[in-house]
N, C-alpha and C. Protein backbone atom coordinates (compact mmCIF):
# COMPACT_ATOMS: atom_id res chain seq x y z
N UNK A 1 246.11 179.33 90.02
CA UNK A 1 245.31 178.08 90.94
C UNK A 1 245.93 176.93 90.04
N UNK A 2 245.89 176.01 90.90
CA UNK A 2 246.45 174.74 90.43
C UNK A 2 245.00 173.79 90.01
N UNK A 3 245.33 173.02 89.01
CA UNK A 3 244.22 171.82 89.16
C UNK A 3 244.92 170.83 89.34
N UNK A 4 244.05 169.55 89.62
CA UNK A 4 244.40 168.39 89.99
C UNK A 4 244.10 167.12 89.00
N UNK A 5 244.81 166.17 88.78
CA UNK A 5 244.02 165.17 88.35
C UNK A 5 242.87 164.51 88.49
N UNK A 6 242.72 164.50 89.96
CA UNK A 6 241.57 163.95 90.27
C UNK A 6 240.21 164.52 90.21
N UNK A 7 240.36 166.11 89.98
CA UNK A 7 239.45 166.89 89.47
C UNK A 7 238.96 166.90 88.12
N UNK A 8 239.53 165.86 87.41
CA UNK A 8 238.96 165.63 85.95
C UNK A 8 237.66 164.76 85.95
N UNK A 9 236.66 165.21 85.18
CA UNK A 9 235.33 164.48 85.14
C UNK A 9 235.42 163.68 83.83
N UNK A 10 235.47 162.25 83.89
CA UNK A 10 235.24 161.67 82.62
C UNK A 10 234.19 160.75 82.69
N UNK A 11 233.33 160.98 81.37
CA UNK A 11 232.25 159.96 81.47
C UNK A 11 232.53 159.25 79.90
N UNK A 12 232.06 157.95 79.78
CA UNK A 12 232.17 157.60 78.55
C UNK A 12 231.05 156.39 78.27
N UNK A 13 230.66 156.68 76.85
CA UNK A 13 229.55 155.40 76.47
C UNK A 13 229.81 155.09 74.92
N UNK A 14 228.81 153.97 74.76
CA UNK A 14 229.12 153.39 73.47
C UNK A 14 227.77 153.84 72.90
N UNK A 15 227.79 154.53 71.68
CA UNK A 15 226.52 154.69 71.13
C UNK A 15 226.33 154.02 69.94
N UNK A 16 225.16 153.14 69.69
CA UNK A 16 225.24 152.18 68.66
C UNK A 16 224.53 152.75 67.42
N UNK A 17 225.86 153.78 66.56
CA UNK A 17 225.59 154.73 65.68
C UNK A 17 226.76 154.82 65.11
N UNK A 18 226.99 155.35 63.70
CA UNK A 18 228.13 155.88 63.05
C UNK A 18 228.84 157.02 63.81
N UNK A 19 229.85 157.14 63.75
CA UNK A 19 230.46 158.18 64.17
C UNK A 19 230.11 159.56 63.72
N UNK A 20 229.93 159.65 62.41
CA UNK A 20 229.24 160.58 61.82
C UNK A 20 227.71 160.96 62.23
N UNK A 21 227.08 160.20 62.60
CA UNK A 21 225.90 160.39 63.36
C UNK A 21 226.07 160.97 64.91
N UNK A 22 227.04 160.22 65.63
CA UNK A 22 227.16 160.85 66.73
C UNK A 22 227.58 162.51 66.57
N UNK A 23 228.80 162.67 65.98
CA UNK A 23 229.15 163.67 65.73
C UNK A 23 228.17 164.85 65.56
N UNK A 24 227.26 164.80 64.69
CA UNK A 24 226.32 165.85 64.14
C UNK A 24 225.54 166.13 65.25
N UNK A 25 225.66 165.65 66.32
CA UNK A 25 224.63 165.95 67.55
C UNK A 25 225.41 166.68 68.37
N UNK A 26 226.97 166.43 68.72
CA UNK A 26 227.50 167.32 69.56
C UNK A 26 228.05 168.39 69.32
N UNK A 27 227.94 168.98 67.87
CA UNK A 27 228.59 170.42 67.51
C UNK A 27 227.46 170.89 66.93
N UNK A 28 226.05 170.56 67.16
CA UNK A 28 224.91 171.02 66.47
C UNK A 28 224.97 172.76 66.87
N UNK A 29 224.59 173.53 65.72
CA UNK A 29 224.64 174.79 65.96
C UNK A 29 223.13 175.28 65.61
N UNK A 30 222.95 176.20 66.53
CA UNK A 30 221.69 177.18 66.37
C UNK A 30 220.26 176.45 66.16
N UNK A 31 220.40 175.38 66.59
CA UNK A 31 218.92 174.66 66.85
C UNK A 31 218.97 173.99 68.57
N UNK A 32 218.24 173.34 68.82
CA UNK A 32 218.21 172.73 70.45
C UNK A 32 219.21 171.38 70.38
N UNK A 33 220.08 171.46 71.29
CA UNK A 33 220.63 170.46 71.52
C UNK A 33 219.73 169.51 72.72
N UNK A 34 218.79 168.59 72.27
CA UNK A 34 218.10 168.19 73.14
C UNK A 34 218.61 167.35 74.25
N UNK A 35 219.95 166.69 73.89
CA UNK A 35 220.54 165.80 75.10
C UNK A 35 221.30 167.08 76.14
N UNK A 36 221.61 168.26 75.61
CA UNK A 36 222.64 169.27 76.17
C UNK A 36 221.50 170.19 76.94
N UNK A 37 220.15 169.75 77.51
CA UNK A 37 219.47 170.60 78.52
C UNK A 37 218.50 171.79 77.24
N UNK A 38 218.63 171.36 76.11
CA UNK A 38 217.64 172.13 75.35
C UNK A 38 218.33 173.35 75.07
N UNK A 39 219.77 173.46 75.20
CA UNK A 39 220.59 174.43 74.79
C UNK A 39 220.83 174.74 73.38
N UNK A 40 221.37 176.06 72.99
CA UNK A 40 221.46 176.06 71.68
C UNK A 40 222.81 176.63 71.41
N UNK A 41 223.77 176.06 70.74
CA UNK A 41 225.26 176.37 70.45
C UNK A 41 225.09 177.24 69.63
N UNK A 42 226.13 178.37 69.95
CA UNK A 42 226.80 179.34 69.24
C UNK A 42 227.70 179.49 69.07
N UNK A 43 228.35 179.51 68.07
CA UNK A 43 230.10 179.38 67.83
C UNK A 43 230.34 179.43 66.29
N UNK A 44 231.73 180.00 66.09
CA UNK A 44 232.09 179.69 64.55
C UNK A 44 232.85 178.63 64.36
N UNK A 45 233.31 177.79 65.54
CA UNK A 45 234.18 176.62 65.40
C UNK A 45 235.62 176.67 65.04
N UNK A 46 235.83 178.14 65.19
CA UNK A 46 237.34 178.50 64.80
C UNK A 46 238.15 178.61 65.88
N UNK A 47 239.38 177.84 66.05
CA UNK A 47 239.97 178.28 67.51
C UNK A 47 240.17 179.81 67.72
N UNK A 48 239.92 179.83 69.04
CA UNK A 48 239.99 181.01 69.91
C UNK A 48 238.57 182.02 69.77
N UNK A 49 237.83 181.27 68.80
CA UNK A 49 236.44 182.06 68.73
C UNK A 49 235.56 182.02 70.07
N UNK A 50 234.77 183.04 70.24
CA UNK A 50 233.73 182.47 71.47
C UNK A 50 232.84 181.66 71.36
N UNK A 51 232.09 180.70 72.35
CA UNK A 51 231.36 179.83 72.39
C UNK A 51 230.35 180.02 73.28
N UNK A 52 228.82 179.91 72.96
CA UNK A 52 227.78 180.09 74.09
C UNK A 52 226.97 179.11 73.88
N UNK A 53 226.58 178.63 74.80
CA UNK A 53 225.13 177.75 75.19
C UNK A 53 223.97 178.54 75.68
N UNK A 54 223.27 178.69 74.85
CA UNK A 54 222.02 179.68 75.15
C UNK A 54 220.94 179.18 75.30
N UNK A 55 219.89 179.76 76.01
CA UNK A 55 218.45 179.07 75.94
C UNK A 55 217.77 179.37 74.50
N UNK A 56 216.95 178.56 74.16
CA UNK A 56 216.23 178.70 72.87
C UNK A 56 215.85 179.89 72.48
N UNK A 57 215.55 180.66 73.43
CA UNK A 57 214.92 182.23 73.11
C UNK A 57 216.19 182.99 72.95
N UNK A 58 217.30 182.63 73.47
CA UNK A 58 218.42 183.55 73.20
C UNK A 58 218.70 184.42 74.09
N UNK A 59 217.74 184.50 75.30
CA UNK A 59 217.72 185.61 76.27
C UNK A 59 218.83 185.35 77.45
N UNK A 60 219.09 183.98 77.57
CA UNK A 60 219.92 183.49 78.64
C UNK A 60 221.29 182.67 78.10
N UNK A 61 222.31 183.11 78.80
CA UNK A 61 223.44 182.34 78.33
C UNK A 61 223.68 181.49 79.49
N UNK A 62 224.05 180.27 79.32
CA UNK A 62 224.37 179.33 80.68
C UNK A 62 225.93 178.88 80.62
N UNK A 63 226.37 178.64 79.49
CA UNK A 63 227.53 178.60 79.58
C UNK A 63 228.77 179.60 78.33
N UNK A 64 229.66 180.03 78.68
CA UNK A 64 230.72 180.53 77.39
C UNK A 64 232.03 179.78 77.54
N UNK A 65 232.71 179.98 76.56
CA UNK A 65 233.87 179.63 76.51
C UNK A 65 234.48 179.87 75.34
N UNK A 66 235.80 179.36 74.61
CA UNK A 66 236.54 179.77 73.60
C UNK A 66 236.47 178.15 73.21
N UNK A 67 236.61 178.27 71.72
CA UNK A 67 236.94 176.88 71.05
C UNK A 67 238.30 176.72 70.80
N UNK A 68 238.83 175.65 71.22
CA UNK A 68 240.37 175.05 71.38
C UNK A 68 240.56 174.24 70.07
N UNK A 69 239.92 173.45 69.78
CA UNK A 69 240.06 172.70 68.65
C UNK A 69 238.73 171.95 68.31
N UNK A 70 238.73 171.51 66.73
CA UNK A 70 237.50 171.07 66.17
C UNK A 70 238.21 170.11 64.96
N UNK A 71 238.14 168.89 65.29
CA UNK A 71 238.71 167.77 64.39
C UNK A 71 237.67 167.10 64.03
N UNK A 72 236.59 167.31 63.30
CA UNK A 72 235.43 166.42 62.65
C UNK A 72 235.96 165.06 62.02
N UNK A 73 235.24 164.05 62.48
CA UNK A 73 234.29 163.83 63.58
C UNK A 73 234.74 163.27 64.70
N UNK A 74 236.05 163.55 65.20
CA UNK A 74 236.60 162.92 66.23
C UNK A 74 236.72 163.86 67.58
N UNK A 75 236.95 164.88 67.52
CA UNK A 75 237.26 165.91 68.73
C UNK A 75 236.75 167.05 68.72
N UNK A 76 236.60 167.60 69.82
CA UNK A 76 235.65 169.20 69.79
C UNK A 76 235.96 169.40 71.24
N UNK A 77 236.98 170.46 71.46
CA UNK A 77 237.64 170.81 72.75
C UNK A 77 237.22 172.40 72.84
N UNK A 78 236.86 172.67 73.98
CA UNK A 78 236.44 174.08 74.19
C UNK A 78 236.52 174.37 75.71
N UNK A 79 237.24 175.63 75.94
CA UNK A 79 236.69 176.19 77.57
C UNK A 79 235.31 176.42 77.72
N UNK A 80 235.37 176.30 79.13
CA UNK A 80 233.87 176.44 79.34
C UNK A 80 233.68 177.32 80.92
N UNK A 81 232.93 178.20 80.75
CA UNK A 81 232.62 178.36 82.14
C UNK A 81 231.24 178.40 82.43
N UNK A 82 230.71 178.16 83.69
CA UNK A 82 229.48 177.91 84.04
C UNK A 82 229.04 179.07 84.46
N UNK A 83 227.95 179.70 83.79
CA UNK A 83 227.42 181.23 84.50
C UNK A 83 226.89 181.10 85.89
N UNK A 84 226.21 179.82 86.19
CA UNK A 84 225.51 180.05 87.59
C UNK A 84 226.67 179.50 88.50
N UNK A 85 227.88 179.51 88.27
CA UNK A 85 228.91 178.93 89.05
C UNK A 85 229.93 180.13 89.08
N UNK A 86 230.76 180.16 90.20
CA UNK A 86 231.92 181.24 90.44
C UNK A 86 233.11 180.79 89.97
N UNK A 87 233.19 179.64 89.37
CA UNK A 87 234.51 178.83 88.86
C UNK A 87 235.40 179.54 87.77
N UNK A 88 236.38 179.59 87.70
CA UNK A 88 237.11 180.11 86.36
C UNK A 88 236.77 179.07 85.16
N UNK A 89 237.10 179.23 84.10
CA UNK A 89 237.09 178.43 82.89
C UNK A 89 237.45 177.21 83.28
N UNK A 90 237.17 176.22 82.69
CA UNK A 90 237.51 174.56 82.64
C UNK A 90 237.58 174.30 81.03
N UNK A 91 238.01 172.85 81.02
CA UNK A 91 238.32 172.47 79.66
C UNK A 91 237.51 171.30 79.48
N UNK A 92 236.67 171.28 78.44
CA UNK A 92 235.71 170.30 77.92
C UNK A 92 236.34 169.52 76.60
N UNK A 93 236.49 168.36 76.76
CA UNK A 93 236.77 167.73 75.23
C UNK A 93 235.96 166.62 75.11
N UNK A 94 235.39 166.51 74.00
CA UNK A 94 234.47 165.27 73.53
C UNK A 94 235.39 164.39 72.52
N UNK A 95 235.43 163.30 72.75
CA UNK A 95 236.37 162.48 72.07
C UNK A 95 235.34 161.24 71.52
N UNK A 96 235.46 161.19 69.98
CA UNK A 96 234.76 159.81 69.72
C UNK A 96 235.42 158.84 68.89
N UNK A 97 235.69 157.68 69.24
CA UNK A 97 236.20 156.84 68.46
C UNK A 97 235.27 155.45 68.11
N UNK A 98 235.74 154.91 66.83
CA UNK A 98 234.88 153.82 65.98
C UNK A 98 234.98 152.72 66.69
N UNK A 99 234.37 152.05 67.44
CA UNK A 99 234.57 150.67 67.93
C UNK A 99 233.12 149.75 67.44
N UNK A 100 233.65 148.55 67.59
CA UNK A 100 232.50 147.41 67.32
C UNK A 100 231.47 147.59 67.82
N UNK A 101 230.31 147.67 66.96
CA UNK A 101 229.06 147.96 67.64
C UNK A 101 228.88 149.68 67.60
N UNK A 102 229.54 150.36 67.06
CA UNK A 102 229.13 151.94 67.24
C UNK A 102 230.43 152.76 67.42
N UNK A 103 230.07 153.78 68.34
CA UNK A 103 230.97 154.92 68.56
C UNK A 103 231.03 155.17 70.26
N UNK A 104 232.28 155.08 70.28
CA UNK A 104 232.73 155.52 71.76
C UNK A 104 232.61 156.85 71.95
N UNK A 105 232.10 157.19 72.93
CA UNK A 105 231.90 158.83 73.47
C UNK A 105 232.44 159.18 74.70
N UNK A 106 233.95 159.74 74.58
CA UNK A 106 234.25 159.94 75.95
C UNK A 106 234.30 161.50 75.92
N UNK A 107 233.81 162.00 77.34
CA UNK A 107 233.73 163.54 77.66
C UNK A 107 234.59 163.52 78.86
N UNK A 108 235.63 164.35 78.70
CA UNK A 108 236.48 164.73 79.82
C UNK A 108 236.24 166.41 80.17
N UNK A 109 236.04 166.70 81.48
CA UNK A 109 235.90 167.64 81.91
C UNK A 109 237.10 167.99 82.99
N UNK A 110 238.08 168.94 82.78
CA UNK A 110 239.11 169.18 83.57
C UNK A 110 239.57 170.74 83.88
N UNK A 111 240.44 170.72 84.47
CA UNK A 111 241.17 172.01 84.71
C UNK A 111 240.38 172.72 85.95
N UNK A 112 239.83 172.16 86.84
CA UNK A 112 239.13 172.66 88.16
C UNK A 112 240.04 172.67 89.04
N UNK A 113 240.17 174.22 89.54
CA UNK A 113 240.97 174.57 90.82
C UNK A 113 240.88 173.46 91.87
N UNK A 114 241.70 173.18 92.57
CA UNK A 114 242.05 172.43 93.84
C UNK A 114 240.76 172.52 94.71
N UNK A 115 240.73 174.02 94.93
CA UNK A 115 239.54 174.11 95.86
C UNK A 115 237.98 174.08 95.47
N UNK A 116 237.79 173.70 94.55
CA UNK A 116 236.87 173.80 93.84
C UNK A 116 235.42 172.92 94.45
N UNK A 117 234.19 173.06 94.88
CA UNK A 117 233.32 172.51 95.50
C UNK A 117 232.06 172.36 94.56
N UNK A 118 231.40 171.64 94.93
CA UNK A 118 230.26 171.11 94.09
C UNK A 118 230.55 170.48 92.76
N UNK A 119 231.47 169.77 92.51
CA UNK A 119 231.71 168.93 91.53
C UNK A 119 230.99 168.01 91.19
N UNK A 120 230.05 167.41 92.46
CA UNK A 120 229.40 166.22 92.20
C UNK A 120 228.14 166.73 91.23
N UNK A 121 227.65 168.18 91.43
CA UNK A 121 226.61 168.76 90.60
C UNK A 121 226.83 168.50 89.41
N UNK A 122 228.29 168.86 88.68
CA UNK A 122 228.55 169.11 87.31
C UNK A 122 228.68 167.74 87.16
N UNK A 123 229.27 166.89 87.66
CA UNK A 123 229.43 165.51 87.72
C UNK A 123 228.04 164.85 87.01
N UNK A 124 227.09 165.00 87.86
CA UNK A 124 225.74 164.47 87.61
C UNK A 124 225.18 164.94 86.39
N UNK A 125 225.53 165.87 86.27
CA UNK A 125 224.83 166.50 84.83
C UNK A 125 225.44 165.86 84.12
N UNK A 126 226.56 165.71 83.44
CA UNK A 126 227.25 165.13 82.50
C UNK A 126 226.81 163.33 82.43
N UNK A 127 226.48 162.94 83.72
CA UNK A 127 225.84 161.64 83.66
C UNK A 127 224.72 161.33 83.33
N UNK A 128 223.90 162.62 83.27
CA UNK A 128 222.48 162.60 82.51
C UNK A 128 222.66 163.02 81.02
N UNK A 129 223.55 163.76 80.49
CA UNK A 129 223.59 164.21 79.29
C UNK A 129 224.15 163.02 78.30
N UNK A 130 225.07 162.31 78.88
CA UNK A 130 225.73 161.28 77.94
C UNK A 130 224.58 160.15 77.70
N UNK A 131 224.06 159.55 78.37
CA UNK A 131 222.83 158.75 78.26
C UNK A 131 221.70 159.33 77.35
N UNK A 132 221.37 160.74 77.43
CA UNK A 132 220.38 161.07 76.55
C UNK A 132 221.01 161.36 75.17
N UNK A 133 222.66 161.91 75.21
CA UNK A 133 222.85 161.72 73.93
C UNK A 133 222.82 160.42 72.91
N UNK A 134 223.20 159.33 73.85
CA UNK A 134 223.17 157.96 73.20
C UNK A 134 221.48 157.55 72.91
N UNK A 135 220.50 158.12 73.91
CA UNK A 135 219.24 157.82 73.22
C UNK A 135 218.69 158.68 72.36
N UNK A 136 218.75 159.69 72.14
CA UNK A 136 218.74 160.77 71.03
C UNK A 136 219.22 160.13 69.76
N UNK A 137 220.50 159.77 69.74
CA UNK A 137 221.27 159.23 68.46
C UNK A 137 220.58 157.98 68.20
N UNK A 138 220.54 157.14 69.06
CA UNK A 138 219.78 155.77 68.66
C UNK A 138 218.07 155.60 68.53
N UNK A 139 217.60 156.60 69.15
CA UNK A 139 216.01 156.34 68.79
C UNK A 139 215.39 157.43 67.95
N UNK A 140 216.12 158.72 68.29
CA UNK A 140 215.56 159.98 67.70
C UNK A 140 215.07 160.74 68.63
N UNK A 141 214.98 160.43 69.92
CA UNK A 141 214.40 161.00 71.19
C UNK A 141 214.98 161.04 72.46
N UNK A 142 214.77 161.85 73.46
CA UNK A 142 215.10 161.91 74.17
C UNK A 142 214.22 161.37 75.55
N UNK A 143 214.60 161.07 76.86
CA UNK A 143 213.76 160.13 77.80
C UNK A 143 212.48 161.37 78.13
N UNK A 144 211.45 160.83 78.32
CA UNK A 144 210.07 161.17 78.82
C UNK A 144 210.49 162.13 80.19
N UNK A 145 211.43 161.43 81.32
CA UNK A 145 211.82 161.98 82.43
C UNK A 145 212.29 163.48 82.14
N UNK A 146 213.50 163.65 81.16
CA UNK A 146 214.28 164.57 81.13
C UNK A 146 213.36 165.68 80.27
N UNK A 147 212.38 165.20 79.35
CA UNK A 147 211.72 166.27 78.76
C UNK A 147 210.80 167.12 79.71
N UNK A 148 210.30 166.35 80.80
CA UNK A 148 209.62 166.82 81.95
C UNK A 148 210.35 167.69 83.01
N UNK A 149 211.72 167.47 83.05
CA UNK A 149 212.64 168.32 83.87
C UNK A 149 212.80 169.76 82.92
N UNK A 150 212.95 169.63 81.42
CA UNK A 150 213.26 170.80 80.81
C UNK A 150 211.64 171.47 80.84
N UNK A 151 210.75 170.80 80.71
CA UNK A 151 209.44 171.63 80.93
C UNK A 151 209.01 172.35 81.98
N UNK A 152 209.62 171.62 83.11
CA UNK A 152 209.16 172.40 84.67
C UNK A 152 210.20 173.45 84.99
N UNK A 153 211.55 172.94 84.31
CA UNK A 153 212.46 174.31 84.48
C UNK A 153 212.51 175.61 83.71
N UNK A 154 211.89 175.20 82.42
CA UNK A 154 212.12 176.54 81.50
C UNK A 154 211.07 177.77 82.27
N UNK A 155 210.25 177.46 82.88
CA UNK A 155 209.63 178.69 83.23
C UNK A 155 210.27 179.40 84.57
N UNK A 156 211.03 178.71 85.21
CA UNK A 156 211.67 179.38 85.79
C UNK A 156 212.92 179.79 85.68
N UNK A 157 213.46 179.82 84.09
CA UNK A 157 214.56 180.77 84.00
C UNK A 157 214.26 182.47 84.12
N UNK A 158 213.08 182.83 83.96
CA UNK A 158 212.86 184.09 84.24
C UNK A 158 213.43 184.62 85.82
N UNK A 159 213.69 183.67 86.62
CA UNK A 159 213.67 184.05 87.86
C UNK A 159 215.21 184.03 88.35
N UNK A 160 215.80 183.61 87.27
CA UNK A 160 217.22 183.18 87.54
C UNK A 160 217.92 184.57 87.75
N UNK A 161 219.41 184.75 88.34
CA UNK A 161 220.16 185.99 88.31
C UNK A 161 220.07 186.65 87.18
N UNK A 162 220.82 187.86 87.12
CA UNK A 162 220.97 188.73 86.08
C UNK A 162 222.14 188.31 85.34
N UNK A 163 223.05 187.65 85.85
CA UNK A 163 224.36 187.38 85.38
C UNK A 163 224.13 186.60 84.03
N UNK A 164 223.32 185.64 83.77
CA UNK A 164 223.32 184.92 82.22
C UNK A 164 222.11 185.58 81.40
N UNK A 165 221.86 186.66 81.60
CA UNK A 165 221.11 187.44 80.74
C UNK A 165 222.14 187.55 79.68
N UNK A 166 221.99 187.47 78.10
CA UNK A 166 222.63 187.61 77.18
C UNK A 166 223.50 188.81 77.13
N UNK A 167 222.59 189.85 77.50
CA UNK A 167 223.30 191.39 77.31
C UNK A 167 224.59 191.47 78.79
N UNK A 168 224.66 190.66 79.52
CA UNK A 168 225.47 190.83 80.44
C UNK A 168 226.58 189.90 80.39
N UNK A 169 226.76 189.03 79.20
CA UNK A 169 227.89 187.91 79.25
C UNK A 169 228.81 188.56 78.27
N UNK A 170 230.08 188.11 79.16
CA UNK A 170 231.29 188.18 78.21
C UNK A 170 232.21 187.03 78.22
N UNK A 171 232.61 187.01 77.31
CA UNK A 171 233.78 185.44 77.15
C UNK A 171 234.98 185.81 77.80
N UNK A 172 235.54 184.93 78.81
CA UNK A 172 237.16 185.21 79.10
C UNK A 172 237.78 184.62 78.13
N UNK A 173 238.98 185.10 78.10
CA UNK A 173 240.23 184.67 77.17
C UNK A 173 240.49 183.03 77.55
N UNK A 174 241.16 182.53 76.68
CA UNK A 174 241.64 181.27 77.25
C UNK A 174 242.85 181.22 78.21
N UNK A 175 242.48 180.60 79.46
CA UNK A 175 243.39 180.68 79.97
C UNK A 175 244.88 179.93 80.03
N UNK A 176 245.75 180.64 80.11
CA UNK A 176 247.32 180.14 79.85
C UNK A 176 247.38 178.69 80.17
N UNK A 177 246.90 178.05 81.02
CA UNK A 177 247.20 176.48 81.42
C UNK A 177 246.27 175.45 80.12
N UNK A 178 245.58 176.05 79.35
CA UNK A 178 245.04 175.51 78.39
C UNK A 178 245.59 175.68 76.95
N UNK A 179 246.30 176.53 76.85
CA UNK A 179 247.03 176.90 75.27
C UNK A 179 248.14 175.83 75.01
């Protein structure tokens, strides 16, 4: 499967905080990542090891992947497979740079096959996550609108397909194109 450059989703935002404060929210382990849809990240951060974004109760897994690189506090890169979609693993890279007034956060989501559909939904999700990350780091909380979305969506997870149930999830190997 070929991936095309135009299928790279890129979002960038400046957070008025130190690079360390921003970094502490991105690879937060075993507690809710408020800006990341209240998912809980589970990984060892060792390159090649599995990565899971789970529901807070651990019963559902929404994203699986493998860690590719961790360079605190500047870069975190991993493969990602969205279990509610039928796409192959893609590549997510978080890049942090110190700038005047704070930290520039750039998110790159690439490696999409040329025939991928529905990228607008993935793109719109990142377009919510980055501003919520900014708000969380700067104020200590996420927006009321997003809190309501989480609260309304939480009860619906019991009606999700069986594929994202934790007991049904396996982590794919790192595709050759990302090595």
